[in-house]
Structures are given as structure tokens and as C-alpha cells.
C-alpha atoms as a PDB file:
ATOM      1  CA  UNK A   1     -15.989  26.071  32.165  1.00  0.00           C
ATOM      2  CA  UNK A   2     -19.424  24.723  33.104  1.00  0.00           C
ATOM      3  CA  UNK A   3     -20.475  25.585  36.636  1.00  0.00           C
ATOM      4  CA  UNK A   4     -22.784  23.048  38.288  1.00  0.00           C
ATOM      5  CA  UNK A   5     -25.667  23.966  40.541  1.00  0.00           C
ATOM      6  CA  UNK A   6     -25.193  22.478  43.996  1.00  0.00           C
ATOM      7  CA  UNK A   7     -28.663  20.918  43.892  1.00  0.00           C
ATOM      8  CA  UNK A   8     -28.394  19.468  40.397  1.00  0.00           C
ATOM      9  CA  UNK A   9     -27.254  15.976  41.399  1.00  0.00           C
ATOM     10  CA  UNK A  10     -30.221  15.664  43.759  1.00  0.00           C
ATOM     11  CA  UNK A  11     -32.526  14.994  40.837  1.00  0.00           C
ATOM     12  CA  UNK A  12     -30.376  12.528  38.902  1.00  0.00           C
ATOM     13  CA  UNK A  13     -32.365   9.529  40.122  1.00  0.00           C
ATOM     14  CA  UNK A  14     -35.399  10.722  38.165  1.00  0.00           C
ATOM     15  CA  UNK A  15     -33.567  10.404  34.851  1.00  0.00           C
ATOM     16  CA  UNK A  16     -35.541   8.450  32.288  1.00  0.00           C
ATOM     17  CA  UNK A  17     -39.055   9.066  33.604  1.00  0.00           C
ATOM     18  CA  UNK A  18     -41.571   9.860  30.874  1.00  0.00           C
ATOM     19  CA  UNK A  19     -43.143  13.297  30.955  1.00  0.00           C
ATOM     20  CA  UNK A  20     -46.577  12.222  32.147  1.00  0.00           C
ATOM     21  CA  UNK A  21     -48.501  13.801  34.969  1.00  0.00           C
ATOM     22  CA  UNK A  22     -48.278  10.736  37.211  1.00  0.00           C
ATOM     23  CA  UNK A  23     -44.470  10.873  36.981  1.00  0.00           C
ATOM     24  CA  UNK A  24     -44.157  14.555  37.860  1.00  0.00           C
ATOM     25  CA  UNK A  25     -42.740  14.627  41.400  1.00  0.00           C
ATOM     26  CA  UNK A  26     -44.448  16.950  43.882  1.00  0.00           C
ATOM     27  CA  UNK A  27     -42.663  20.200  44.664  1.00  0.00           C
ATOM     28  CA  UNK A  28     -42.587  20.049  48.446  1.00  0.00           C
ATOM     29  CA  UNK A  29     -39.877  21.390  50.702  1.00  0.00           C
ATOM     30  CA  UNK A  30     -39.746  18.996  53.665  1.00  0.00           C
ATOM     31  CA  UNK A  31     -36.773  16.965  54.782  1.00  0.00           C
ATOM     32  CA  UNK A  32     -37.411  14.527  51.913  1.00  0.00           C
ATOM     33  CA  UNK A  33     -38.086  17.339  49.479  1.00  0.00           C
ATOM     34  CA  UNK A  34     -37.858  16.799  45.760  1.00  0.00           C
ATOM     35  CA  UNK A  35     -36.511  19.875  43.966  1.00  0.00           C
ATOM     36  CA  UNK A  36     -38.934  21.681  41.668  1.00  0.00           C
ATOM     37  CA  UNK A  37     -38.809  20.887  37.949  1.00  0.00           C
ATOM     38  CA  UNK A  38     -37.330  17.442  38.630  1.00  0.00           C
ATOM     39  CA  UNK A  39     -39.173  15.682  35.799  1.00  0.00           C
ATOM     40  CA  UNK A  40     -38.170  18.287  33.225  1.00  0.00           C
ATOM     41  CA  UNK A  41     -34.581  18.344  34.448  1.00  0.00           C
ATOM     42  CA  UNK A  42     -34.384  14.566  34.172  1.00  0.00           C
ATOM     43  CA  UNK A  43     -35.942  14.656  30.712  1.00  0.00           C
ATOM     44  CA  UNK A  44     -33.468  17.207  29.353  1.00  0.00           C
ATOM     45  CA  UNK A  45     -30.399  15.874  31.145  1.00  0.00           C
ATOM     46  CA  UNK A  46     -30.684  12.425  29.624  1.00  0.00           C
ATOM     47  CA  UNK A  47     -31.334  11.059  26.144  1.00  0.00           C
ATOM     48  CA  UNK A  48     -33.384  14.054  25.001  1.00  0.00           C
ATOM     49  CA  UNK A  49     -30.542  16.480  25.629  1.00  0.00           C
ATOM     50  CA  UNK A  50     -28.157  14.172  23.776  1.00  0.00           C
ATOM     51  CA  UNK A  51     -30.526  14.067  20.792  1.00  0.00           C
ATOM     52  CA  UNK A  52     -30.747  17.856  20.668  1.00  0.00           C
ATOM     53  CA  UNK A  53     -26.955  18.003  20.688  1.00  0.00           C
ATOM     54  CA  UNK A  54     -26.816  15.460  17.855  1.00  0.00           C
ATOM     55  CA  UNK A  55     -29.280  17.428  15.713  1.00  0.00           C
ATOM     56  CA  UNK A  56     -27.825  20.777  16.758  1.00  0.00           C
ATOM     57  CA  UNK A  57     -26.748  22.023  13.312  1.00  0.00           C
ATOM     58  CA  UNK A  58     -30.054  21.125  11.678  1.00  0.00           C
ATOM     59  CA  UNK A  59     -32.019  22.704  14.530  1.00  0.00           C
ATOM     60  CA  UNK A  60     -29.966  25.903  14.333  1.00  0.00           C
ATOM     61  CA  UNK A  61     -30.823  26.211  10.638  1.00  0.00           C
ATOM     62  CA  UNK A  62     -34.471  25.370  11.226  1.00  0.00           C
ATOM     63  CA  UNK A  63     -34.962  27.821  14.091  1.00  0.00           C
ATOM     64  CA  UNK A  64     -32.781  30.590  12.618  1.00  0.00           C
ATOM     65  CA  UNK A  65     -35.738  32.843  11.645  1.00  0.00           C
ATOM     66  CA  UNK A  66     -37.209  32.592  15.145  1.00  0.00           C
ATOM     67  CA  UNK A  67     -33.861  33.127  16.877  1.00  0.00           C
ATOM     68  CA  UNK A  68     -33.146  36.118  14.672  1.00  0.00           C
ATOM     69  CA  UNK A  69     -36.509  37.717  15.429  1.00  0.00           C
ATOM     70  CA  UNK A  70     -35.987  37.355  19.157  1.00  0.00           C
ATOM     71  CA  UNK A  71     -32.461  38.731  19.014  1.00  0.00           C
ATOM     72  CA  UNK A  72     -33.586  41.733  16.984  1.00  0.00           C
ATOM     73  CA  UNK A  73     -36.188  42.482  19.627  1.00  0.00           C
ATOM     74  CA  UNK A  74     -33.580  42.138  22.381  1.00  0.00           C
ATOM     75  CA  UNK A  75     -31.392  44.683  20.574  1.00  0.00           C
ATOM     76  CA  UNK A  76     -28.436  44.213  22.910  1.00  0.00           C
ATOM     77  CA  UNK A  77     -25.283  46.275  22.579  1.00  0.00           C
ATOM     78  CA  UNK A  78     -21.577  46.336  23.424  1.00  0.00           C
ATOM     79  CA  UNK A  79     -20.617  46.105  27.060  1.00  0.00           C
ATOM     80  CA  UNK A  80     -23.893  44.741  28.376  1.00  0.00           C
ATOM     81  CA  UNK A  81     -24.242  41.843  30.827  1.00  0.00           C
ATOM     82  CA  UNK A  82     -26.741  39.235  29.629  1.00  0.00           C
ATOM     83  CA  UNK A  83     -28.371  36.051  30.902  1.00  0.00           C
ATOM     84  CA  UNK A  84     -29.608  33.423  28.429  1.00  0.00           C
ATOM     85  CA  UNK A  85     -32.139  31.053  30.061  1.00  0.00           C
ATOM     86  CA  UNK A  86     -32.321  27.590  28.571  1.00  0.00           C
ATOM     87  CA  UNK A  87     -29.295  28.375  26.442  1.00  0.00           C
ATOM     88  CA  UNK A  88     -29.139  24.784  25.214  1.00  0.00           C
ATOM     89  CA  UNK A  89     -26.494  24.054  22.591  1.00  0.00           C
ATOM     90  CA  UNK A  90     -25.582  27.733  22.353  1.00  0.00           C
ATOM     91  CA  UNK A  91     -27.246  29.124  19.224  1.00  0.00           C
ATOM     92  CA  UNK A  92     -28.480  32.360  20.825  1.00  0.00           C
ATOM     93  CA  UNK A  93     -25.751  32.340  23.478  1.00  0.00           C
ATOM     94  CA  UNK A  94     -23.058  32.740  20.832  1.00  0.00           C
ATOM     95  CA  UNK A  95     -24.934  35.427  18.914  1.00  0.00           C
ATOM     96  CA  UNK A  96     -25.494  37.382  22.116  1.00  0.00           C
ATOM     97  CA  UNK A  97     -21.806  37.071  23.046  1.00  0.00           C
ATOM     98  CA  UNK A  98     -20.752  38.494  19.698  1.00  0.00           C
ATOM     99  CA  UNK A  99     -23.269  41.328  20.029  1.00  0.00           C
ATOM    100  CA  UNK A 100     -22.002  42.517  23.434  1.00  0.00           C
ATOM    101  CA  UNK A 101     -18.350  42.158  22.432  1.00  0.00           C
ATOM    102  CA  UNK A 102     -15.341  41.606  24.690  1.00  0.00           C
ATOM    103  CA  UNK A 103     -16.463  44.360  27.054  1.00  0.00           C
ATOM    104  CA  UNK A 104     -19.730  42.534  27.736  1.00  0.00           C
ATOM    105  CA  UNK A 105     -20.576  39.169  29.255  1.00  0.00           C
ATOM    106  CA  UNK A 106     -23.136  36.462  28.571  1.00  0.00           C
ATOM    107  CA  UNK A 107     -24.113  33.789  31.078  1.00  0.00           C
ATOM    108  CA  UNK A 108     -25.923  30.751  29.734  1.00  0.00           C
ATOM    109  CA  UNK A 109     -27.914  28.587  32.139  1.00  0.00           C
ATOM    110  CA  UNK A 110     -29.383  25.201  31.284  1.00  0.00           C
ATOM    111  CA  UNK A 111     -30.194  21.901  32.996  1.00  0.00           C
ATOM    112  CA  UNK A 112     -28.911  19.668  30.162  1.00  0.00           C
ATOM    113  CA  UNK A 113     -25.271  18.538  30.526  1.00  0.00           C
ATOM    114  CA  UNK A 114     -24.855  17.355  26.899  1.00  0.00           C
ATOM    115  CA  UNK A 115     -26.355  20.528  25.456  1.00  0.00           C
ATOM    116  CA  UNK A 116     -24.409  22.861  27.724  1.00  0.00           C
ATOM    117  CA  UNK A 117     -21.158  21.005  27.077  1.00  0.00           C
ATOM    118  CA  UNK A 118     -21.654  21.547  23.344  1.00  0.00           C
ATOM    119  CA  UNK A 119     -22.401  25.237  23.930  1.00  0.00           C
ATOM    120  CA  UNK A 120     -19.171  25.641  25.874  1.00  0.00           C
ATOM    121  CA  UNK A 121     -17.223  23.835  23.150  1.00  0.00           C
ATOM    122  CA  UNK A 122     -18.701  26.078  20.461  1.00  0.00           C
ATOM    123  CA  UNK A 123     -17.868  29.207  22.462  1.00  0.00           C
ATOM    124  CA  UNK A 124     -14.242  28.071  22.804  1.00  0.00           C
ATOM    125  CA  UNK A 125     -13.982  27.279  19.109  1.00  0.00           C
ATOM    126  CA  UNK A 126     -15.117  30.816  18.284  1.00  0.00           C
ATOM    127  CA  UNK A 127     -12.689  32.335  20.770  1.00  0.00           C
ATOM    128  CA  UNK A 128     -15.490  33.895  22.819  1.00  0.00           C
ATOM    129  CA  UNK A 129     -13.961  34.543  26.210  1.00  0.00           C
ATOM    130  CA  UNK A 130     -16.983  36.477  27.459  1.00  0.00           C
ATOM    131  CA  UNK A 131     -19.223  33.394  27.817  1.00  0.00           C
ATOM    132  CA  UNK A 132     -19.926  31.558  31.062  1.00  0.00           C
ATOM    133  CA  UNK A 133     -22.067  28.405  31.174  1.00  0.00           C
ATOM    134  CA  UNK A 134     -23.873  27.302  34.335  1.00  0.00           C
ATOM    135  CA  UNK A 135     -25.436  23.863  34.687  1.00  0.00           C
ATOM    136  CA  UNK A 136     -28.371  24.792  36.920  1.00  0.00           C
ATOM    137  CA  UNK A 137     -32.098  25.367  37.124  1.00  0.00           C
ATOM    138  CA  UNK A 138     -32.867  29.038  36.487  1.00  0.00           C
ATOM    139  CA  UNK A 139     -35.903  28.712  38.752  1.00  0.00           C
ATOM    140  CA  UNK A 140     -33.795  28.227  41.867  1.00  0.00           C
ATOM    141  CA  UNK A 141     -30.206  29.171  41.041  1.00  0.00           C
ATOM    142  CA  UNK A 142     -28.909  31.980  43.312  1.00  0.00           C
ATOM    143  CA  UNK A 143     -27.988  34.523  40.646  1.00  0.00           C
ATOM    144  CA  UNK A 144     -26.279  37.681  41.837  1.00  0.00           C
ATOM    145  CA  UNK A 145     -28.828  40.433  42.461  1.00  0.00           C
ATOM    146  CA  UNK A 146     -29.140  43.154  39.804  1.00  0.00           C
ATOM    147  CA  UNK A 147     -26.388  41.528  37.747  1.00  0.00           C
ATOM    148  CA  UNK A 148     -27.857  41.648  34.223  1.00  0.00           C
ATOM    149  CA  UNK A 149     -28.992  44.296  31.778  1.00  0.00           C
ATOM    150  CA  UNK A 150     -31.051  41.838  29.733  1.00  0.00           C
ATOM    151  CA  UNK A 151     -32.431  38.356  30.380  1.00  0.00           C
ATOM    152  CA  UNK A 152     -33.121  36.536  27.120  1.00  0.00           C
ATOM    153  CA  UNK A 153     -34.590  33.150  26.308  1.00  0.00           C
ATOM    154  CA  UNK A 154     -35.548  31.269  23.177  1.00  0.00           C
ATOM    155  CA  UNK A 155     -37.902  28.449  24.166  1.00  0.00           C
ATOM    156  CA  UNK A 156     -36.435  28.141  27.655  1.00  0.00           C
ATOM    157  CA  UNK A 157     -39.094  29.535  30.005  1.00  0.00           C
ATOM    158  CA  UNK A 158     -42.097  27.240  29.380  1.00  0.00           C
ATOM    159  CA  UNK A 159     -40.913  24.260  31.431  1.00  0.00           C
ATOM    160  CA  UNK A 160     -41.129  25.475  35.035  1.00  0.00           C
ATOM    161  CA  UNK A 161     -43.462  23.809  37.559  1.00  0.00           C
ATOM    162  CA  UNK A 162     -43.978  27.249  39.139  1.00  0.00           C
ATOM    163  CA  UNK A 163     -43.387  29.747  36.318  1.00  0.00           C
ATOM    164  CA  UNK A 164     -44.207  32.838  38.397  1.00  0.00           C
ATOM    165  CA  UNK A 165     -41.778  31.774  41.119  1.00  0.00           C
ATOM    166  CA  UNK A 166     -39.100  30.920  38.567  1.00  0.00           C
ATOM    167  CA  UNK A 167     -39.427  34.238  36.768  1.00  0.00           C
ATOM    168  CA  UNK A 168     -39.426  36.097  40.084  1.00  0.00           C
ATOM    169  CA  UNK A 169     -36.071  34.466  40.792  1.00  0.00           C
ATOM    170  CA  UNK A 170     -34.842  35.563  37.378  1.00  0.00           C
ATOM    171  CA  UNK A 171     -36.258  39.065  37.851  1.00  0.00           C
ATOM    172  CA  UNK A 172     -34.123  39.597  40.967  1.00  0.00           C
ATOM    173  CA  UNK A 173     -31.061  39.132  38.759  1.00  0.00           C
ATOM    174  CA  UNK A 174     -32.118  42.041  36.530  1.00  0.00           C
ATOM    175  CA  UNK A 175     -31.057  45.612  37.110  1.00  0.00           C
ATOM    176  CA  UNK A 176     -33.966  47.962  37.860  1.00  0.00           C
ATOM    177  CA  UNK A 177     -33.875  49.307  34.298  1.00  0.00           C
ATOM    178  CA  UNK A 178     -33.232  45.881  32.790  1.00  0.00           C
ATOM    179  CA  UNK A 179     -35.362  43.970  30.321  1.00  0.00           C
ATOM    180  CA  UNK A 180     -36.740  40.455  29.958  1.00  0.00           C
ATOM    181  CA  UNK A 181     -37.223  39.172  26.386  1.00  0.00           C
ATOM    182  CA  UNK A 182     -38.250  35.644  25.527  1.00  0.00           C
ATOM    183  CA  UNK A 183     -39.527  33.708  22.543  1.00  0.00           C
ATOM    184  CA  UNK A 184     -42.264  31.142  23.171  1.00  0.00           C
ATOM    185  CA  UNK A 185     -44.596  29.132  20.968  1.00  0.00           C
ATOM    186  CA  UNK A 186     -48.139  30.258  20.190  1.00  0.00           C
ATOM    187  CA  UNK A 187     -50.941  27.696  19.795  1.00  0.00           C
ATOM    188  CA  UNK A 188     -51.149  24.575  17.657  1.00  0.00           C
ATOM    189  CA  UNK A 189     -53.352  26.308  15.082  1.00  0.00           C
ATOM    190  CA  UNK A 190     -50.424  28.465  13.945  1.00  0.00           C
ATOM    191  CA  UNK A 191     -47.762  25.799  14.430  1.00  0.00           C
ATOM    192  CA  UNK A 192     -47.819  23.107  11.733  1.00  0.00           C
ATOM    193  CA  UNK A 193     -44.250  22.480  12.948  1.00  0.00           C
ATOM    194  CA  UNK A 194     -45.976  20.720  15.871  1.00  0.00           C
ATOM    195  CA  UNK A 195     -49.311  19.582  14.477  1.00  0.00           C
ATOM    196  CA  UNK A 196     -48.277  17.999  11.150  1.00  0.00           C
ATOM    197  CA  UNK A 197     -45.879  15.398  12.612  1.00  0.00           C
ATOM    198  CA  UNK A 198     -48.039  14.707  15.666  1.00  0.00           C
ATOM    199  CA  UNK A 199     -51.178  14.193  13.551  1.00  0.00           C
ATOM    200  CA  UNK A 200     -49.284  11.903  11.175  1.00  0.00           C
ATOM    201  CA  UNK A 201     -48.071   9.487  13.845  1.00  0.00           C
ATOM    202  CA  UNK A 202     -50.996   9.576  16.286  1.00  0.00           C
ATOM    203  CA  UNK A 203     -53.224   7.010  14.456  1.00  0.00           C
ATOM    204  CA  UNK A 204     -50.527   4.348  14.894  1.00  0.00           C
ATOM    205  CA  UNK A 205     -50.146   4.786  18.635  1.00  0.00           C
ATOM    206  CA  UNK A 206     -52.227   3.996  21.690  1.00  0.00           C
ATOM    207  CA  UNK A 207     -54.673   6.808  22.589  1.00  0.00           C
ATOM    208  CA  UNK A 208     -53.223   9.396  24.925  1.00  0.00           C
ATOM    209  CA  UNK A 209     -55.145  11.646  27.338  1.00  0.00           C
ATOM    210  CA  UNK A 210     -55.381  15.287  26.260  1.00  0.00           C
ATOM    211  CA  UNK A 211     -52.486  17.312  27.677  1.00  0.00           C
ATOM    212  CA  UNK A 212     -52.979  19.901  30.385  1.00  0.00           C
ATOM    213  CA  UNK A 213     -52.446  23.220  28.566  1.00  0.00           C
ATOM    214  CA  UNK A 214     -50.936  24.767  31.695  1.00  0.00           C
ATOM    215  CA  UNK A 215     -48.521  21.913  32.403  1.00  0.00           C
ATOM    216  CA  UNK A 216     -44.825  22.547  31.753  1.00  0.00           C
ATOM    217  CA  UNK A 217     -44.095  21.988  28.092  1.00  0.00           C
ATOM    218  CA  UNK A 218     -43.510  23.690  24.748  1.00  0.00           C
ATOM    219  CA  UNK A 219     -47.018  25.207  24.493  1.00  0.00           C
ATOM    220  CA  UNK A 220     -47.427  26.204  28.141  1.00  0.00           C
ATOM    221  CA  UNK A 221     -47.047  29.906  27.275  1.00  0.00           C
ATOM    222  CA  UNK A 222     -49.336  29.899  24.235  1.00  0.00           C
ATOM    223  CA  UNK A 223     -52.093  31.831  26.064  1.00  0.00           C
ATOM    224  CA  UNK A 224     -51.021  35.479  26.421  1.00  0.00           C
ATOM    225  CA  UNK A 225     -53.523  36.098  29.215  1.00  0.00           C
ATOM    226  CA  UNK A 226     -51.931  33.355  31.282  1.00  0.00           C
ATOM    227  CA  UNK A 227     -48.447  34.659  30.512  1.00  0.00           C
ATOM    228  CA  UNK A 228     -49.503  38.152  31.625  1.00  0.00           C
ATOM    229  CA  UNK A 229     -50.733  36.763  34.940  1.00  0.00           C
ATOM    230  CA  UNK A 230     -47.484  34.858  35.410  1.00  0.00           C
ATOM    231  CA  UNK A 231     -45.326  37.891  34.675  1.00  0.00           C
ATOM    232  CA  UNK A 232     -47.391  40.158  36.894  1.00  0.00           C
ATOM    233  CA  UNK A 233     -47.101  37.565  39.670  1.00  0.00           C
ATOM    234  CA  UNK A 234     -43.319  37.690  39.209  1.00  0.00           C
ATOM    235  CA  UNK A 235     -43.329  41.500  39.585  1.00  0.00           C
ATOM    236  CA  UNK A 236     -42.839  42.370  35.924  1.00  0.00           C
ATOM    237  CA  UNK A 237     -44.574  45.277  34.219  1.00  0.00           C
ATOM    238  CA  UNK A 238     -44.842  46.850  30.749  1.00  0.00           C
ATOM    239  CA  UNK A 239     -45.562  43.433  29.246  1.00  0.00           C
ATOM    240  CA  UNK A 240     -45.695  43.377  25.458  1.00  0.00           C
ATOM    241  CA  UNK A 241     -46.486  40.569  22.993  1.00  0.00           C
ATOM    242  CA  UNK A 242     -45.324  40.639  19.391  1.00  0.00           C
ATOM    243  CA  UNK A 243     -46.467  37.949  16.979  1.00  0.00           C
ATOM    244  CA  UNK A 244     -43.929  36.457  14.623  1.00  0.00           C
ATOM    245  CA  UNK A 245     -44.599  33.846  11.955  1.00  0.00           C
ATOM    246  CA  UNK A 246     -42.083  31.998   9.818  1.00  0.00           C
ATOM    247  CA  UNK A 247     -41.693  29.014   7.543  1.00  0.00           C
ATOM    248  CA  UNK A 248     -39.133  26.632   8.995  1.00  0.00           C
ATOM    249  CA  UNK A 249     -36.784  24.831   6.607  1.00  0.00           C
ATOM    250  CA  UNK A 250     -36.227  21.235   7.692  1.00  0.00           C
ATOM    251  CA  UNK A 251     -34.091  19.962   4.802  1.00  0.00           C
ATOM    252  CA  UNK A 252     -35.024  17.159   2.433  1.00  0.00           C
ATOM    253  CA  UNK A 253     -37.871  14.813   3.320  1.00  0.00           C
ATOM    254  CA  UNK A 254     -35.664  12.095   4.777  1.00  0.00           C
ATOM    255  CA  UNK A 255     -33.692  14.555   6.905  1.00  0.00           C
ATOM    256  CA  UNK A 256     -36.915  16.188   8.057  1.00  0.00           C
ATOM    257  CA  UNK A 257     -38.377  12.818   9.026  1.00  0.00           C
ATOM    258  CA  UNK A 258     -35.254  11.938  10.991  1.00  0.00           C
ATOM    259  CA  UNK A 259     -35.410  15.252  12.844  1.00  0.00           C
ATOM    260  CA  UNK A 260     -39.120  15.103  13.640  1.00  0.00           C
ATOM    261  CA  UNK A 261     -38.979  11.523  14.909  1.00  0.00           C
ATOM    262  CA  UNK A 262     -36.250  12.476  17.370  1.00  0.00           C
ATOM    263  CA  UNK A 263     -37.239  16.042  18.347  1.00  0.00           C
ATOM    264  CA  UNK A 264     -40.621  17.531  19.205  1.00  0.00           C
ATOM    265  CA  UNK A 265     -44.133  16.207  19.906  1.00  0.00           C
ATOM    266  CA  UNK A 266     -44.008  13.322  17.427  1.00  0.00           C
ATOM    267  CA  UNK A 267     -40.819  12.115  19.105  1.00  0.00           C
ATOM    268  CA  UNK A 268     -42.503  12.180  22.519  1.00  0.00           C
ATOM    269  CA  UNK A 269     -45.414  10.140  21.159  1.00  0.00           C
ATOM    270  CA  UNK A 270     -43.129   7.663  19.373  1.00  0.00           C
ATOM    271  CA  UNK A 271     -41.209   7.058  22.584  1.00  0.00           C
ATOM    272  CA  UNK A 272     -44.312   5.223  23.840  1.00  0.00           C
ATOM    273  CA  UNK A 273     -44.635   2.966  20.763  1.00  0.00           C
ATOM    274  CA  UNK A 274     -43.360  -0.552  20.125  1.00  0.00           C
ATOM    275  CA  UNK A 275     -40.990  -1.139  17.212  1.00  0.00           C
ATOM    276  CA  UNK A 276     -43.700  -2.195  14.747  1.00  0.00           C
ATOM    277  CA  UNK A 277     -45.964   0.773  15.446  1.00  0.00           C
ATOM    278  CA  UNK A 278     -42.996   3.122  15.385  1.00  0.00           C
ATOM    279  CA  UNK A 279     -41.905   1.949  11.932  1.00  0.00           C
ATOM    280  CA  UNK A 280     -45.434   2.413  10.551  1.00  0.00           C
ATOM    281  CA  UNK A 281     -45.724   5.843  12.143  1.00  0.00           C
ATOM    282  CA  UNK A 282     -42.387   6.968  10.705  1.00  0.00           C
ATOM    283  CA  UNK A 283     -43.468   5.903   7.205  1.00  0.00           C
ATOM    284  CA  UNK A 284     -46.731   7.788   7.655  1.00  0.00           C
ATOM    285  CA  UNK A 285     -44.869  10.906   8.757  1.00  0.00           C
ATOM    286  CA  UNK A 286     -42.512  10.821   5.788  1.00  0.00           C
ATOM    287  CA  UNK A 287     -45.500  10.490   3.468  1.00  0.00           C
ATOM    288  CA  UNK A 288     -47.320  13.387   5.201  1.00  0.00           C
ATOM    289  CA  UNK A 289     -44.325  15.641   4.632  1.00  0.00           C
ATOM    290  CA  UNK A 290     -44.640  15.328   0.849  1.00  0.00           C
ATOM    291  CA  UNK A 291     -47.460  17.879   0.997  1.00  0.00           C
ATOM    292  CA  UNK A 292     -45.038  20.385   2.521  1.00  0.00           C
ATOM    293  CA  UNK A 293     -42.148  20.029   0.065  1.00  0.00           C
ATOM    294  CA  UNK A 294     -40.901  22.840  -2.116  1.00  0.00           C
ATOM    295  CA  UNK A 295     -37.853  22.525  -4.365  1.00  0.00           C
ATOM    296  CA  UNK A 296     -36.821  19.318  -2.644  1.00  0.00           C
ATOM    297  CA  UNK A 297     -37.040  20.643   0.915  1.00  0.00           C
ATOM    298  CA  UNK A 298     -39.684  20.422   3.627  1.00  0.00           C
ATOM    299  CA  UNK A 299     -41.080  23.647   5.049  1.00  0.00           C
ATOM    300  CA  UNK A 300     -43.444  23.863   8.025  1.00  0.00           C
ATOM    301  CA  UNK A 301     -45.046  26.972   9.472  1.00  0.00           C
ATOM    302  CA  UNK A 302     -44.392  28.222  12.976  1.00  0.00           C
ATOM    303  CA  UNK A 303     -45.837  30.993  15.094  1.00  0.00           C
ATOM    304  CA  UNK A 304     -44.275  32.463  18.235  1.00  0.00           C
ATOM    305  CA  UNK A 305     -44.746  35.232  20.720  1.00  0.00           C
ATOM    306  CA  UNK A 306     -41.825  37.537  21.373  1.00  0.00           C
ATOM    307  CA  UNK A 307     -42.565  38.735  24.882  1.00  0.00           C
ATOM    308  CA  UNK A 308     -40.859  41.656  26.566  1.00  0.00           C
ATOM    309  CA  UNK A 309     -41.228  43.067  30.073  1.00  0.00           C
ATOM    310  CA  UNK A 310     -39.426  45.145  32.683  1.00  0.00           C
ATOM    311  CA  UNK A 311     -39.112  44.744  36.449  1.00  0.00           C
ATOM    312  CA  UNK A 312     -41.950  46.461  38.239  1.00  0.00           C
ATOM    313  CA  UNK A 313     -40.802  49.695  39.796  1.00  0.00           C
ATOM    314  CA  UNK A 314     -39.907  49.101  43.432  1.00  0.00           C
ATOM    315  CA  UNK A 315     -39.787  45.306  43.062  1.00  0.00           C
ATOM    316  CA  UNK A 316     -37.329  43.605  45.392  1.00  0.00           C
ATOM    317  CA  UNK A 317     -34.059  42.530  43.808  1.00  0.00           C
ATOM    318  CA  UNK A 318     -32.557  40.570  46.704  1.00  0.00           C
ATOM    319  CA  UNK A 319     -33.587  38.127  49.411  1.00  0.00           C
ATOM    320  CA  UNK A 320     -32.980  38.781  53.071  1.00  0.00           C
ATOM    321  CA  UNK A 321     -33.558  35.993  55.623  1.00  0.00           C
ATOM    322  CA  UNK A 322     -36.024  34.270  53.314  1.00  0.00           C
ATOM    323  CA  UNK A 323     -38.118  37.357  52.579  1.00  0.00           C
ATOM    324  CA  UNK A 324     -38.043  39.962  49.867  1.00  0.00           C
ATOM    325  CA  UNK A 325     -36.124  43.080  50.827  1.00  0.00           C
ATOM    326  CA  UNK A 326     -37.245  46.555  49.878  1.00  0.00           C
END
């Protein structure tokens, strides 16, 4: 069963807004308050989430090396209670559920109804009764205090308007000896997975302003110094960064082109194009991918951080009358 956050419907009216700075609602808390992360929630709860669900099998294959590296670092075991942030269509959620076994539990939280519905369906089809899916924003959802041994995320923590506040909320759900492990992208220089498609389509589109590197988005956690500050602000300690590089297999050139024009930075750029420019850009992308073919398949490099941390000793794990309790 998918459990819905009580505040989730409040942001439905923002569905369809493009992810540009002028469309990011302010995060105020007055009587007409707009919940935090509204633009990202709208983005993932609409057409984008449906596209990720459609391309789920191809994405699972493509990201398998990165998922596997993160799961090896998490090193979870039977009987543990886990939280998977941004669990999406369930790739890591299902692997975690199998790792903890019937004596353990895994809770997946995501803001995308189509992705989470697919995750729940996949869990049922595998007979995994230890999975619970919550449709909610991890930044604000009232998780039970000290409920989890491990909080895990693959590409799910870079989209918060207030990342320190969001991770502080998540940290309260961890047991004092618990662990946070997440996989996030490093910079463009080590991620042809991002740069090759974006560079191929950009000449055919209207010029776009340079993105804010600290704005919510896939590369928001590329700078380890910034991530350290965020985690320290959320009362985490013992922060560690491990680099991991992989070649991602995208299938044959046509399949790769289809994927990259629907998922990722090229897809975001193409969403702003008219039909004529889009067709030209797609042809340019397919041609650019020929340089990355091997044995009939396209391979693009990717580089991630695998970040681990623990709750700071003495950090509050519950809220009492709006303030942290000792």
C-alpha cells in the first residue's frame, strides 16, 4: 500500500511548471504558505515521473553499476530497518528488501505517484512483504524518531530547497548508532552521461542562463565541501566521500537516443524547444553517440560520490513543541 503525506495534495496546482528559478515558489510558512520543494514535487509527480516509470527497465540496467556500488557501501544485513529516500521505481528498494530479509523492513519514500506505484507493484510481484511505500516529501514527513538503522538514497537527496533542514529531518529518524549512505553525482567533467547529450542538443535551442550550482538538481551535491557543510548543519558527523566511476551501458544507439531525449539534462533542454528544433537536436544527439559506441551499444562515463555519515553524538532525535529535545 502507498501511504500519502497529508500535505502532498497542497502542491498539486504547481504541476507542469518548468524547473526555472522564476517558477520556484518561495518557502514561507504564513497562512498562505507554499510547502517547501513544491517545484520539484510538481516536476516529479507529473510527466517526468511517468517517463521514468516508462523507461524503468532500461534505467535499471544503465544505473546498475552505480546502484551496486552504493548498496555494497551500505552493507545492510538481515533484520535491519531501512529507509530509502527517493526510492523511485524501486530498483534499490527491492535490493535492500531482499538484503534485510523477512525479519527486516524497508520503507521507500518518494514524491512521484507513478514511480512509487510501480515500485509497490514490483515489490508485490516479488512477494516482498517487508516493503512499505510512502508518497511524501522526506524533507517534511514526520518519520518516527530513531526508527531506522540505515538511511539510503541513490540520487534522491539533491533536490531539496533546504538540504540541511531536510537531512536534519531524516537524521531524527535514525537510531543513534545508525548510518546515512547516499549516492550523488560528481561534476560534469567526470559525467559524460550528462555532458555528451546536453552538448549535442544545445546548439539547436535558444540560449539558456547558466544554472545555479547550488540550486536543487542532479548536480547540486557535486561539491564535497558544500555537502560537508550541509551534513554538519544537519548534525551529522564522520562524513566520508568515496569516488566511484563507471561506464554506463545505454543499449543500441536508437535506444540510447530515446532514453536521453526523455530522461536527463538533454530532455530538460528539449522540453523548451519547438518541434522543428527538437527534431534537429535529436538527430544531432544520435549522431554524437556514434563516437561512444562499442560492439553495437552506447557507453557513457559517469562519476559519483558515495557519501556516508553518522548522527552527531548527542544530536536530538525528536521534536518537542517545535524545538529539538535533548
